[in-house]
Amino acid sequence: MKFAKLVPGCRVPSMMEDRANHLLTRFDFKYPDQIDIREICDYYKIKIRASTEPDLTFSVCTGFRKGYIYIQKGVDYLQFKELCGEEFAHLYLHTISQTETTKHLHAKQERQAKDFSTYLYMPLQMMEEVLLSYDQAVDISQLAEEFLVSEEFVYYRLSLLFPDRVDAIARAKGRFGYVQWLE
């Protein structure tokens, strides 16, 4: 069975999800591991550089959907991908510098960037194609591996779909559902 059967019916995509899906239509990504933030940045003429600050990742807008992304040094591939995706989202979505905003607007921009990058790397149409086993639970680590993102990233993406924390997807009594592990 495919993951699509678990997705809540009658859901309306958010504006961030619509924007991420629209962006993805410009590329020929068929599988999650093909979604390449460097290719996306190149398309929008956004340059990725190493940050001069050891623990700081940020972006600098130089025009509408143009600019530079500075990624802190020493991050692994998944961290790079997730940080770069979020900074790309800032350049793609926002035209005002975060240093010139209120705390409320800053928090809103951060949430939008995180949501957008989550939809970008884990688009629903690709999630729906994930095959679920009839005899073995699919846990978060398997989804993280499939989409080349961290487990924390998967938890966040699933929180945008389901009302409860999802730790695994399993079959019981002939029906599929999601599982929240007891701690």
Foldseek 3Di string as FASTA:
>chain_A
DFPLVAFDPPDDDDPLLVVLVVLCVVDDDDFLVPLDLVVSCVVLQEAEEADPDQPDWAWDAPDQLYTYTHHHPDDDPQVCLLSSQLRSLCNNPHDDDLVPDDPVVNVVSSVSSLLNSLCNLCPPVNRRGDDADQADKAFLVNVCVRSVHDSVSSQVSVVVGDVDGFGIWYDDPRDIDGDDDDD
